[in-house]
Amino acid sequence: MLLRCVANETNAHVLTVNGPSIVSKYLGETENAIRDIFEEARKFQPSIVFLDEIDSLAPNRNSDDSGETESRVVATLLTMMDGMGDTGRIVVVGATNRPNSIDPALRRPGRFDQEVEIGIPDVEARTDILTKQFDKMDMSKFDLTKEQITSIASKTHGYVGADLTALCRESVMKAINRSMKAHIPQREIKLEFRDVEEALPEIRPSAMREIFLEMPKVYWSDIGGQEELKQKLTEVVQLPLEAADTFSKLGVLAPKGVLLYGPPGCSKTLTAKALATESGLNFLAVKGPEIFNKYVGESERTIREIFRKARAASPSIIFFDEIDAISGDRESSGTSASQNVLTSLLNEIDGVEELKGVVIVGATNRPTEIDPALLRPGRLDRHIYVSPPDYDARLQILTKGCSKFNLDGNEVSLNTLADLTEGCSGAEVALLCHEAGLSAVMEDKQATCVKQRHFDHALKGISKGITQEMLEYYKAFSSKSGLNI
């Protein structure tokens, strides 16, 4: 689209070439097609030759995927570009989303010597794009204010123009479906703000598609208790990203990372999911062990790619579950592969390229296994202890867990069960509800309610996984580690 605007302004003749479309299986045909394109450009000067997806037409000749055919095509393209002369009346424009896959010879001065990065639009640009998209509609067909369009733009971090167009299209489909269900005549259908909000979760930003994991919708209300933890996370993670301008004006550096540590089953991962849902920020969820690859250098490349995507789609959160798996203490007998991954992670956090608008959240139940270099100030320097649930939290978990089935109100006392489950993790309390319901069904397939005897049976089968030694272990780490909040 940018090229069309330039062509209209200059009245230039434009030749658009889609890289894969001119690649032929027959010997010499691709080279002839390139020569014909440049010959036409010479005849109709001034002209612009636009090579879309140039990485498929001219891949790096030193890569493993490149063969003799690719080398000949690259050589032909280089010859044609060098033979254009210096009149300036023929311009070659290439487009790619993989610049490092292009043969380096094309990127030297005299060929593609000007490189322009077209970044992801900011909130002002997204507002402008959305306004133009909605302006294409009949004014009587949509009911959106400027404030609502700005609100939509603020929720679409990492969306490019094509994503926003897809969002508008999907919103129209939602409006049509809603109107059909309500038997509204076609001529009276109006696009409303609720249609856009309903369509928003279904359109993923392009920058996140390759490694974005579908996160279930988890809200703060789904986590029993832990009110202090929720407040801390909101202050440390969400606030600096949402009020980045204020932090900048005051000269205050926002924290780069947070470590959640605590016993297993105490909702560390669930908390991170709720943080993603409630904040509305782009969320990259990565399981530590999944980073490792048997091929040399691939694990480090995965780390670099994760951070590149997060920067492109900022403000964003990178969540490393089981972060101890990729950041083991280098003083211990760690493998060279794990040490290389840790080095890459440290370089990304405080490397040359500023980590702006990205917060790292790590979760572990073995904090002492993490290399101290990762926990020093400027990296994962905020340490938040996720404690076992207290009485109120256990009562909330029980209430939520039992809300889906009928309880015998005369027999079952959730307050008593909350007392009996002292020392249990949140996962164990939730399991109690599940096992009690299962016990009722196994006793009677036609059961209509869950009774106290079913909870008594379930309690016998649940062993408390959190020991006093565990709690002492976390207390010792808290006293020795950096900034505990």
Protein backbone atom coordinates (compact mmCIF):
# COMPACT_ATOMS: atom_id res chain seq x y z
CA MET A 1 0.00 0.00 0.00
CA LEU A 2 2.87 2.38 0.82
CA LEU A 3 4.39 1.62 -2.58
CA ARG A 4 1.12 2.40 -4.37
CA CYS A 5 1.04 5.80 -2.65
CA VAL A 6 4.62 6.53 -3.78
CA ALA A 7 3.81 5.42 -7.34
CA ASN A 8 0.75 7.67 -7.49
CA GLU A 9 2.76 10.65 -6.27
CA THR A 10 5.58 10.13 -8.81
CA ASN A 11 3.50 8.78 -11.75
CA ALA A 12 5.96 5.90 -11.96
CA HIS A 13 5.39 2.61 -13.76
CA VAL A 14 5.16 -0.16 -11.14
CA LEU A 15 6.08 -3.80 -11.68
CA THR A 16 4.99 -5.96 -8.75
CA VAL A 17 6.65 -9.35 -8.43
CA ASN A 18 5.69 -11.90 -5.80
CA GLY A 19 8.90 -13.83 -5.09
CA PRO A 20 7.49 -17.38 -5.00
CA SER A 21 5.29 -16.80 -8.09
CA ILE A 22 8.21 -16.47 -10.54
CA VAL A 23 10.25 -19.37 -9.15
CA SER A 24 10.00 -22.18 -11.73
CA LYS A 25 11.00 -25.83 -11.58
CA TYR A 26 12.42 -25.61 -15.11
CA LEU A 27 16.08 -24.71 -15.55
CA GLY A 28 16.66 -21.08 -16.48
CA GLU A 29 13.02 -19.95 -16.44
CA THR A 30 13.29 -18.01 -13.17
CA GLU A 31 16.39 -16.17 -14.40
CA ASN A 32 14.63 -15.29 -17.70
CA ALA A 33 11.61 -13.97 -15.78
CA ILE A 34 13.88 -11.66 -13.75
CA ARG A 35 15.57 -10.38 -16.94
CA ASP A 36 12.16 -9.71 -18.56
CA ILE A 37 11.00 -7.71 -15.52
CA PHE A 38 14.07 -5.46 -15.56
CA GLU A 39 13.83 -5.07 -19.35
CA GLU A 40 10.26 -3.81 -18.99
CA ALA A 41 11.39 -1.43 -16.24
CA ARG A 42 13.98 0.06 -18.62
CA LYS A 43 11.36 0.62 -21.34
CA PHE A 44 8.86 2.42 -19.10
CA GLN A 45 11.04 4.73 -17.04
CA PRO A 46 10.55 6.12 -14.45
CA SER A 47 9.65 2.75 -12.97
CA ILE A 48 9.57 0.91 -9.66
CA VAL A 49 10.30 -2.82 -9.42
CA PHE A 50 8.67 -4.18 -6.27
CA LEU A 51 9.93 -7.61 -5.16
CA ASP A 52 7.57 -8.93 -2.50
CA GLU A 53 8.81 -11.75 -0.25
CA ILE A 54 12.31 -11.28 -1.63
CA ASP A 55 13.69 -13.77 0.91
CA SER A 56 12.11 -16.61 -1.10
CA LEU A 57 13.60 -15.30 -4.34
CA ALA A 58 17.10 -14.53 -3.07
CA PRO A 59 17.89 -16.64 0.01
CA ASN A 60 21.30 -16.68 1.64
CA ARG A 61 23.57 -18.80 -0.56
CA ASN A 62 25.49 -20.02 2.49
CA SER A 63 22.41 -21.52 4.17
CA ASP A 64 21.77 -25.27 4.22
CA ASP A 65 18.50 -24.84 2.28
CA SER A 66 20.15 -23.06 -0.64
CA GLY A 67 21.19 -25.04 -3.72
CA GLU A 68 22.58 -24.43 -7.19
CA THR A 69 19.26 -23.10 -8.53
CA GLU A 70 18.95 -20.49 -5.78
CA SER A 71 22.56 -19.41 -6.32
CA ARG A 72 21.91 -18.80 -10.04
CA VAL A 73 18.77 -16.76 -9.29
CA VAL A 74 20.63 -14.60 -6.75
CA ALA A 75 23.49 -14.08 -9.22
CA THR A 76 21.03 -13.01 -11.94
CA LEU A 77 19.30 -10.54 -9.61
CA LEU A 78 22.65 -9.05 -8.58
CA THR A 79 23.67 -8.66 -12.23
CA MET A 80 20.40 -6.95 -13.15
CA MET A 81 20.60 -4.53 -10.23
CA ASP A 82 24.23 -3.66 -10.99
CA GLY A 83 23.34 -3.04 -14.65
CA MET A 84 20.57 -0.51 -13.99
CA GLY A 85 22.94 2.45 -14.12
CA ASP A 86 22.93 5.57 -11.97
CA THR A 87 20.10 7.51 -13.63
CA GLY A 88 17.87 7.06 -10.61
CA ARG A 89 14.89 6.45 -12.90
CA ILE A 90 14.62 2.77 -11.95
CA VAL A 91 14.18 1.92 -8.29
CA VAL A 92 14.07 -1.61 -6.89
CA VAL A 93 12.11 -2.08 -3.68
CA GLY A 94 12.18 -5.35 -1.76
CA ALA A 95 9.87 -6.42 1.06
CA THR A 96 10.35 -9.18 3.60
CA ASN A 97 9.60 -10.08 7.18
CA ARG A 98 12.82 -12.13 7.37
CA PRO A 99 15.64 -9.71 6.49
CA ASN A 100 18.37 -11.99 7.84
CA SER A 101 17.38 -14.73 5.38
CA ILE A 102 18.32 -12.58 2.36
CA ASP A 103 21.72 -13.09 0.73
CA PRO A 104 24.16 -10.54 2.26
CA ALA A 105 25.40 -9.50 -1.20
CA LEU A 106 22.02 -7.84 -1.84
CA ARG A 107 22.32 -5.66 1.25
CA ARG A 108 25.60 -3.97 0.42
CA PRO A 109 25.85 -0.33 -0.79
CA GLY A 110 24.79 0.11 -4.41
CA ARG A 111 22.05 -2.49 -4.17
CA PHE A 112 19.56 -2.51 -1.28
CA ASP A 113 21.56 0.12 0.57
CA GLN A 114 18.57 1.81 2.24
CA GLU A 115 16.74 -0.36 4.78
CA VAL A 116 13.48 0.90 6.25
CA GLU A 117 11.83 -0.97 9.09
CA ILE A 118 8.05 -0.70 9.13
CA GLY A 119 7.29 -1.25 12.78
CA ILE A 120 4.11 -2.17 14.61
CA PRO A 121 1.78 0.86 14.90
CA ASP A 122 1.52 2.62 18.26
CA VAL A 123 -1.78 3.53 19.91
CA GLU A 124 -2.16 6.79 17.92
CA ALA A 125 -1.55 4.99 14.63
CA ARG A 126 -3.97 2.21 15.59
CA THR A 127 -6.64 4.81 16.41
CA ASP A 128 -6.09 6.38 12.99
CA ILE A 129 -6.29 3.01 11.19
CA LEU A 130 -9.47 2.01 13.04
CA THR A 131 -11.07 5.40 12.35
CA LYS A 132 -10.35 5.03 8.63
CA GLN A 133 -11.74 1.49 8.61
CA PHE A 134 -14.97 2.54 10.33
CA ASP A 135 -15.24 5.61 8.09
CA LYS A 136 -15.57 3.26 5.11
CA MET A 137 -18.88 2.10 6.57
CA ASP A 138 -22.16 3.92 6.21
CA MET A 139 -22.45 6.29 9.20
CA SER A 140 -25.90 4.92 9.91
CA LYS A 141 -24.49 1.38 10.16
CA PHE A 142 -22.25 1.81 13.20
CA ASP A 143 -22.67 3.36 16.61
CA LEU A 144 -19.15 4.04 17.92
CA THR A 145 -17.85 7.22 19.52
CA LYS A 146 -14.29 8.54 19.20
CA GLU A 147 -13.68 7.60 22.83
CA GLN A 148 -14.75 4.01 22.15
CA ILE A 149 -12.46 3.77 19.09
CA THR A 150 -9.57 5.07 21.23
CA SER A 151 -10.44 2.47 23.87
CA ILE A 152 -10.29 -0.29 21.24
CA ALA A 153 -6.91 1.01 20.03
CA SER A 154 -5.53 0.90 23.57
CA LYS A 155 -6.50 -2.79 23.85
CA THR A 156 -4.85 -3.86 20.59
CA HIS A 157 -1.16 -3.90 21.54
CA GLY A 158 0.93 -5.53 18.82
CA TYR A 159 -1.79 -5.38 16.15
CA VAL A 160 -0.71 -4.37 12.64
CA GLY A 161 -2.97 -2.82 9.99
CA ALA A 162 -4.07 -6.21 8.64
CA ASP A 163 -5.01 -7.36 12.16
CA LEU A 164 -7.12 -4.24 12.73
CA THR A 165 -8.85 -4.74 9.38
CA ALA A 166 -9.58 -8.34 10.37
CA LEU A 167 -10.92 -7.08 13.71
CA CYS A 168 -13.34 -4.71 11.95
CA ARG A 169 -14.47 -7.51 9.64
CA GLU A 170 -15.01 -9.92 12.53
CA SER A 171 -16.90 -7.22 14.46
CA VAL A 172 -19.30 -6.82 11.55
CA MET A 173 -19.89 -10.60 11.56
CA LYS A 174 -20.64 -10.47 15.30
CA ALA A 175 -23.12 -7.64 14.71
CA ILE A 176 -24.86 -9.63 11.95
CA ASN A 177 -25.07 -12.77 14.13
CA ARG A 178 -26.45 -10.77 17.06
CA SER A 179 -29.04 -9.11 14.84
CA MET A 180 -30.14 -12.41 13.31
CA LYS A 181 -30.70 -13.91 16.76
CA ALA A 182 -32.73 -10.85 17.78
CA HIS A 183 -34.68 -10.93 14.45
CA ILE A 184 -33.56 -7.39 13.59
CA PRO A 185 -34.16 -6.48 9.91
CA GLN A 186 -30.99 -6.31 7.79
CA ARG A 187 -31.40 -2.61 7.02
CA GLU A 188 -31.48 -1.84 10.76
CA ILE A 189 -28.27 -3.71 11.71
CA LYS A 190 -25.81 -1.50 13.57
CA LEU A 191 -22.25 -2.23 14.64
CA GLU A 192 -21.92 -1.58 18.38
CA PHE A 193 -19.02 -1.40 20.81
CA ARG A 194 -19.97 -4.76 22.35
CA ASP A 195 -19.54 -6.43 18.93
CA VAL A 196 -15.94 -5.19 18.73
CA GLU A 197 -15.23 -6.31 22.30
CA GLU A 198 -16.63 -9.76 21.51
CA ALA A 199 -14.48 -10.02 18.36
CA LEU A 200 -11.27 -8.84 20.04
CA PRO A 201 -10.24 -12.16 21.70
CA GLU A 202 -10.61 -13.98 18.37
CA ILE A 203 -8.05 -11.86 16.48
CA ARG A 204 -4.48 -12.54 17.54
CA PRO A 205 -1.80 -9.96 16.79
CA SER A 206 0.45 -11.10 13.93
CA ALA A 207 3.60 -10.54 15.98
CA MET A 208 2.44 -13.12 18.53
CA ARG A 209 1.04 -15.90 16.36
CA GLU A 210 4.11 -18.11 16.12
CA ILE A 211 4.70 -18.52 19.86
CA PHE A 212 1.52 -17.18 21.43
CA LEU A 213 -0.13 -19.87 23.55
CA GLU A 214 -3.88 -19.92 23.96
CA MET A 215 -4.38 -18.98 27.58
CA PRO A 216 -7.65 -19.92 29.31
CA LYS A 217 -9.64 -16.96 30.58
CA VAL A 218 -8.68 -16.80 34.24
CA TYR A 219 -9.67 -13.82 36.38
CA TRP A 220 -8.60 -12.63 39.82
CA SER A 221 -11.96 -13.85 41.12
CA ASP A 222 -11.01 -17.41 40.10
CA ILE A 223 -8.14 -17.41 42.60
CA GLY A 224 -9.23 -17.94 46.18
CA GLY A 225 -7.79 -15.35 48.56
CA GLN A 226 -4.22 -14.15 47.87
CA GLU A 227 -5.48 -10.54 47.83
CA GLU A 228 -2.08 -9.18 48.84
CA LEU A 229 -0.39 -11.15 46.03
CA LYS A 230 -2.84 -9.77 43.46
CA GLN A 231 -2.23 -6.22 44.67
CA LYS A 232 1.56 -6.64 44.55
CA LEU A 233 1.51 -8.04 41.02
CA THR A 234 -0.73 -5.25 39.79
CA GLU A 235 1.61 -2.64 41.27
CA VAL A 236 4.86 -4.23 40.08
CA VAL A 237 3.85 -5.54 36.63
CA GLN A 238 0.71 -3.90 35.31
CA LEU A 239 1.15 -0.35 36.61
CA PRO A 240 4.63 0.34 35.10
CA LEU A 241 3.44 -0.84 31.68
CA GLU A 242 0.21 1.16 31.74
CA ALA A 243 1.82 4.31 33.19
CA ALA A 244 5.10 4.15 31.25
CA ASP A 245 4.99 7.88 30.42
CA THR A 246 4.66 8.84 34.09
CA PHE A 247 7.61 6.62 35.04
CA SER A 248 9.66 8.24 32.26
CA LYS A 249 8.78 11.80 33.36
CA LEU A 250 9.75 11.06 36.95
CA GLY A 251 12.96 9.35 35.87
CA VAL A 252 11.95 6.15 37.66
CA LEU A 253 13.07 2.85 36.16
CA ALA A 254 10.29 0.29 35.99
CA PRO A 255 11.17 -3.20 37.29
CA LYS A 256 12.24 -5.60 34.56
CA GLY A 257 11.25 -8.84 36.21
CA VAL A 258 9.40 -10.58 39.00
CA LEU A 259 10.01 -14.01 40.52
CA LEU A 260 7.03 -15.87 41.99
CA TYR A 261 8.21 -18.60 44.35
CA GLY A 262 6.44 -20.86 46.79
CA PRO A 263 5.30 -24.43 47.43
CA PRO A 264 3.82 -26.49 44.57
CA GLY A 265 0.09 -26.10 43.97
CA CYS A 266 -0.23 -22.60 45.44
CA SER A 267 -1.52 -20.93 42.24
CA LYS A 268 1.69 -19.38 40.88
CA THR A 269 0.88 -20.32 37.27
CA LEU A 270 -2.82 -19.57 37.74
CA THR A 271 -1.90 -16.13 39.09
CA ALA A 272 0.20 -15.39 36.00
CA LYS A 273 -2.71 -16.40 33.75
CA ALA A 274 -5.08 -14.14 35.68
CA LEU A 275 -2.57 -11.30 35.42
CA ALA A 276 -2.57 -11.71 31.63
CA THR A 277 -6.36 -11.72 31.41
CA GLU A 278 -6.95 -8.82 33.79
CA SER A 279 -4.23 -6.59 32.36
CA GLY A 280 -5.21 -7.16 28.72
CA LEU A 281 -1.50 -7.07 27.82
CA ASN A 282 0.10 -9.36 25.26
CA PHE A 283 1.18 -12.50 27.07
CA LEU A 284 3.87 -14.98 26.04
CA ALA A 285 3.78 -18.14 28.13
CA VAL A 286 6.91 -20.30 27.99
CA LYS A 287 7.56 -23.53 29.88
CA GLY A 288 11.21 -23.74 30.87
CA PRO A 289 11.93 -27.33 29.71
CA GLU A 290 10.32 -26.67 26.29
CA ILE A 291 13.10 -24.19 25.44
CA PHE A 292 15.71 -26.90 25.03
CA ASN A 293 16.40 -28.29 21.56
CA LYS A 294 18.74 -31.11 20.56
CA TYR A 295 20.29 -28.98 17.80
CA VAL A 296 23.19 -26.71 18.77
CA GLY A 297 22.19 -23.04 18.97
CA GLU A 298 18.43 -23.61 18.54
CA SER A 299 17.63 -23.11 22.24
CA GLU A 300 19.45 -19.77 22.26
CA ARG A 301 17.68 -18.76 19.04
CA THR A 302 14.32 -19.57 20.68
CA ILE A 303 15.16 -17.23 23.59
CA ARG A 304 16.12 -14.42 21.19
CA GLU A 305 12.94 -14.94 19.18
CA ILE A 306 10.73 -14.81 22.28
CA PHE A 307 12.21 -11.47 23.33
CA ARG A 308 12.05 -10.11 19.78
CA LYS A 309 8.35 -10.92 19.61
CA ALA A 310 7.74 -9.42 23.06
CA ARG A 311 9.49 -6.17 22.09
CA ALA A 312 7.54 -5.98 18.84
CA ALA A 313 4.23 -6.48 20.65
CA SER A 314 4.99 -4.36 23.72
CA PRO A 315 3.64 -3.65 26.25
CA SER A 316 3.83 -7.36 26.97
CA ILE A 317 4.57 -9.94 29.64
CA ILE A 318 6.86 -12.95 29.19
CA PHE A 319 5.96 -15.71 31.65
CA PHE A 320 8.58 -18.41 32.26
CA ASP A 321 6.99 -21.33 34.09
CA GLU A 322 9.52 -23.57 35.87
CA ILE A 323 12.20 -20.96 35.19
CA ASP A 324 14.72 -22.95 37.26
CA ALA A 325 14.88 -25.44 34.34
CA ILE A 326 16.61 -22.87 32.10
CA SER A 327 18.49 -20.84 34.69
CA GLY A 328 20.28 -23.37 36.85
CA ASP A 329 23.14 -22.20 39.04
CA ARG A 330 26.33 -22.25 36.94
CA GLU A 331 28.37 -23.09 40.03
CA SER A 332 26.73 -26.51 40.12
CA SER A 333 27.35 -29.19 37.51
CA GLY A 334 25.14 -27.72 34.78
CA THR A 335 25.49 -28.69 31.12
CA SER A 336 27.01 -26.34 28.58
CA ALA A 337 23.65 -26.19 26.77
CA SER A 338 21.81 -24.91 29.86
CA GLN A 339 24.61 -22.41 30.55
CA ASN A 340 24.37 -21.08 26.99
CA VAL A 341 20.60 -20.65 27.36
CA LEU A 342 21.08 -18.77 30.64
CA THR A 343 23.70 -16.52 29.03
CA SER A 344 21.28 -15.73 26.18
CA LEU A 345 18.53 -14.95 28.70
CA LEU A 346 20.78 -12.57 30.65
CA ASN A 347 21.91 -10.86 27.44
CA GLU A 348 18.32 -10.29 26.36
CA ILE A 349 17.31 -8.82 29.72
CA ASP A 350 20.07 -6.21 29.90
CA GLY A 351 21.70 -6.33 26.48
CA VAL A 352 22.38 -3.53 24.00
CA GLU A 353 18.74 -3.39 22.86
CA GLU A 354 16.65 -1.86 25.64
CA LEU A 355 13.94 -4.06 27.11
CA LYS A 356 11.25 -1.39 26.95
CA GLY A 357 7.61 -2.19 27.66
CA VAL A 358 8.37 -5.83 28.50
CA VAL A 359 8.16 -7.39 31.96
CA ILE A 360 9.43 -10.88 32.76
CA VAL A 361 7.56 -13.03 35.27
CA GLY A 362 9.19 -16.26 36.39
CA ALA A 363 7.64 -18.99 38.54
CA THR A 364 9.43 -21.71 40.49
CA ASN A 365 9.16 -23.88 43.57
CA ARG A 366 12.97 -24.22 43.72
CA PRO A 367 14.28 -20.64 43.96
CA THR A 368 17.71 -21.62 45.30
CA GLU A 369 18.39 -23.59 42.09
CA ILE A 370 18.30 -20.37 40.03
CA ASP A 371 21.63 -18.75 39.15
CA PRO A 372 22.19 -15.69 41.40
CA ALA A 373 23.08 -13.59 38.34
CA LEU A 374 19.44 -13.77 37.22
CA LEU A 375 18.16 -12.60 40.61
CA ARG A 376 20.39 -9.55 41.02
CA PRO A 377 19.03 -5.96 40.82
CA GLY A 378 18.06 -4.97 37.29
CA ARG A 379 16.90 -8.46 36.35
CA LEU A 380 14.39 -10.58 38.31
CA ASP A 381 14.89 -8.37 41.35
CA ARG A 382 11.32 -8.43 42.74
CA HIS A 383 10.70 -11.66 44.64
CA ILE A 384 7.12 -12.43 45.66
CA TYR A 385 6.37 -15.35 47.96
CA VAL A 386 3.18 -17.20 47.00
CA SER A 387 2.18 -18.69 50.33
CA PRO A 388 -0.20 -21.59 51.02
CA PRO A 389 -3.81 -20.38 51.30
CA ASP A 390 -5.01 -19.12 54.68
CA TYR A 391 -8.44 -19.89 56.17
CA ASP A 392 -10.31 -17.26 54.12
CA ALA A 393 -8.58 -18.33 50.91
CA ARG A 394 -9.38 -22.01 51.55
CA LEU A 395 -13.02 -21.10 52.21
CA GLN A 396 -13.16 -19.21 48.90
CA ILE A 397 -11.60 -22.15 47.03
CA LEU A 398 -14.09 -24.57 48.63
CA THR A 399 -17.03 -22.27 47.83
CA LYS A 400 -15.96 -21.97 44.22
CA GLY A 401 -15.13 -25.67 43.88
CA CYS A 402 -18.52 -26.73 45.27
CA SER A 403 -20.54 -24.16 43.34
CA LYS A 404 -21.06 -26.55 40.42
CA PHE A 405 -22.83 -29.26 42.39
CA ASN A 406 -25.58 -29.55 45.00
CA LEU A 407 -24.46 -29.66 48.62
CA ASP A 408 -26.43 -31.15 51.47
CA GLY A 409 -26.69 -27.90 53.43
CA ASN A 410 -27.78 -29.67 56.61
CA GLU A 411 -24.66 -31.86 56.73
CA VAL A 412 -21.82 -30.09 54.92
CA SER A 413 -20.12 -27.12 56.56
CA LEU A 414 -17.56 -25.43 54.32
CA ASN A 415 -16.24 -23.52 57.35
CA THR A 416 -15.39 -26.82 59.04
CA LEU A 417 -13.76 -28.13 55.86
CA ALA A 418 -11.70 -24.93 55.64
CA ASP A 419 -10.40 -25.67 59.16
CA LEU A 420 -9.67 -29.31 58.35
CA THR A 421 -7.62 -28.39 55.27
CA GLU A 422 -5.15 -26.18 57.13
CA GLY A 423 -1.68 -26.68 55.64
CA CYS A 424 -3.03 -27.83 52.27
CA SER A 425 -2.12 -26.12 49.03
CA GLY A 426 -4.78 -24.49 46.87
CA ALA A 427 -4.56 -27.38 44.41
CA GLU A 428 -5.18 -29.90 47.20
CA VAL A 429 -8.24 -27.97 48.46
CA ALA A 430 -9.64 -27.85 44.91
CA LEU A 431 -8.93 -31.59 44.57
CA LEU A 432 -10.96 -32.24 47.73
CA CYS A 433 -14.09 -30.79 46.06
CA HIS A 434 -13.48 -32.83 42.92
CA GLU A 435 -12.91 -36.08 44.83
CA ALA A 436 -16.01 -35.53 47.00
CA GLY A 437 -18.16 -35.09 43.89
CA LEU A 438 -16.58 -38.17 42.31
CA SER A 439 -17.23 -40.17 45.48
CA ALA A 440 -20.93 -39.22 45.35
CA VAL A 441 -21.24 -40.39 41.73
CA MET A 442 -19.40 -43.67 42.40
CA GLU A 443 -21.73 -44.37 45.33
CA ASP A 444 -24.87 -43.59 43.35
CA LYS A 445 -24.96 -42.85 39.62
CA GLN A 446 -28.23 -40.96 40.17
CA ALA A 447 -26.90 -38.88 43.09
CA THR A 448 -28.50 -35.45 43.40
CA CYS A 449 -26.26 -33.93 46.09
CA VAL A 450 -22.88 -34.30 47.80
CA LYS A 451 -23.01 -35.21 51.49
CA GLN A 452 -20.55 -34.95 54.37
CA ARG A 453 -19.57 -38.63 54.10
CA HIS A 454 -18.31 -37.98 50.59
CA PHE A 455 -16.03 -35.21 51.87
CA ASP A 456 -14.87 -37.47 54.73
CA HIS A 457 -13.95 -40.14 52.19
CA ALA A 458 -12.12 -37.60 50.03
CA LEU A 459 -10.21 -36.17 53.02
CA LYS A 460 -8.74 -39.61 53.78
CA GLY A 461 -7.24 -39.81 50.30
CA ILE A 462 -5.59 -36.39 50.27
CA SER A 463 -2.11 -36.13 51.74
CA LYS A 464 -0.67 -32.72 52.54
CA GLY A 465 2.28 -32.05 50.25
CA ILE A 466 3.51 -28.95 52.09
CA THR A 467 5.82 -29.81 54.98
CA GLN A 468 7.34 -27.64 57.69
CA GLU A 469 10.76 -28.20 56.09
CA MET A 470 9.41 -26.67 52.86
CA LEU A 471 8.17 -23.58 54.64
CA GLU A 472 11.54 -23.19 56.39
CA TYR A 473 13.28 -23.53 53.00
CA TYR A 474 11.29 -20.62 51.53
CA LYS A 475 11.78 -18.56 54.68
CA ALA A 476 15.55 -19.05 54.41
CA PHE A 477 15.54 -18.00 50.74
CA SER A 478 13.47 -14.93 51.59
CA SER A 479 15.97 -13.81 54.22
CA LYS A 480 18.97 -14.18 51.85
CA SER A 481 17.48 -13.01 48.54
CA GLY A 482 17.14 -9.49 47.18
CA LEU A 483 14.02 -7.35 47.30
CA ASN A 484 11.15 -9.38 48.75
CA ILE A 485 7.84 -7.58 48.49
